[in-house]
Amino acid sequence: MAAERKAISGKLKLVISYNDENDNLCEKSVQMRNLVTGVEPANVITAVNAIGTLYEDPVTGIHEIVENEITA
């Protein structure tokens, strides 16, 4: 039997950049979990752009994290 990989969980980590009280560039991240996997990258960008309007500071990075189950 061949080994198989199946995506079971998806997360997005959004990186948000801002300037602190001393005008130093800083970053914070926001994670969303229990998302569907296999979404087209353009659709992820569209969704993140919409979510980004809820924050005062810009989303400057998107990290997709996929958890896989491997069976034999």
Protein backbone atom coordinates (compact mmCIF):
# COMPACT_ATOMS: atom_id res chain seq x y z
CA MET A 1 0.00 0.00 0.00
CA ALA A 2 1.35 3.41 -0.96
CA ALA A 3 1.64 6.19 1.58
CA GLU A 4 -0.90 8.98 1.21
CA ARG A 5 -1.05 12.57 2.42
CA LYS A 6 -4.36 14.25 3.20
CA ALA A 7 -4.78 17.86 4.33
CA ILE A 8 -6.90 17.91 7.47
CA SER A 9 -6.59 21.46 8.77
CA GLY A 10 -5.74 24.88 7.42
CA LYS A 11 -4.60 28.05 9.17
CA LEU A 12 -3.67 31.54 8.04
CA LYS A 13 -1.27 33.80 9.88
CA LEU A 14 -1.58 37.45 8.93
CA VAL A 15 1.39 39.70 9.67
CA ILE A 16 0.43 43.28 10.52
CA SER A 17 3.06 46.06 10.53
CA TYR A 18 2.83 49.19 12.65
CA ASN A 19 5.00 51.88 14.20
CA ASP A 20 5.31 51.94 18.00
CA GLU A 21 5.39 55.04 20.19
CA ASN A 22 9.10 55.54 19.31
CA ASP A 23 8.33 55.27 15.58
CA ASN A 24 10.04 51.85 15.35
CA LEU A 25 8.58 49.45 12.79
CA CYS A 26 7.02 46.47 14.59
CA GLU A 27 4.99 43.44 13.58
CA LYS A 28 2.20 41.48 15.17
CA SER A 29 0.35 38.47 13.86
CA VAL A 30 -3.22 37.27 13.83
CA GLN A 31 -4.09 33.63 13.24
CA MET A 32 -7.24 32.12 11.82
CA ARG A 33 -7.74 28.39 12.10
CA ASN A 34 -10.08 25.59 11.04
CA LEU A 35 -10.09 26.87 7.46
CA VAL A 36 -10.64 24.81 4.36
CA THR A 37 -7.54 23.69 2.50
CA GLY A 38 -6.78 23.86 -1.21
CA VAL A 39 -8.16 27.36 -1.74
CA GLU A 40 -6.79 29.19 -4.78
CA PRO A 41 -4.12 31.74 -3.75
CA ALA A 42 -6.00 34.58 -5.47
CA ASN A 43 -9.06 33.84 -3.32
CA VAL A 44 -6.91 33.91 -0.18
CA ILE A 45 -5.58 37.33 -1.20
CA THR A 46 -9.12 38.61 -1.82
CA ALA A 47 -10.30 37.38 1.60
CA VAL A 48 -7.26 38.79 3.41
CA ASN A 49 -7.70 42.17 1.71
CA ALA A 50 -11.28 42.28 2.97
CA ILE A 51 -10.27 41.23 6.50
CA GLY A 52 -7.44 43.76 6.43
CA THR A 53 -9.96 46.59 6.29
CA LEU A 54 -10.89 45.72 9.89
CA TYR A 55 -7.40 46.68 11.14
CA GLU A 56 -5.91 50.16 11.44
CA ASP A 57 -2.51 48.93 10.27
CA PRO A 58 -1.76 47.15 6.98
CA VAL A 59 -1.47 43.39 6.52
CA THR A 60 2.07 42.96 5.19
CA GLY A 61 2.38 39.19 5.07
CA ILE A 62 0.27 36.06 4.69
CA HIS A 63 1.43 32.64 5.85
CA GLU A 64 -0.62 29.54 5.11
CA ILE A 65 -0.14 26.59 7.45
CA VAL A 66 -1.57 23.21 6.42
CA GLU A 67 -1.68 20.20 8.72
CA ASN A 68 -1.50 16.88 6.89
CA GLU A 69 -2.32 13.34 7.92
CA ILE A 70 -0.05 10.69 6.41
CA THR A 71 -1.22 7.12 6.23
CA ALA A 72 0.26 3.95 4.78
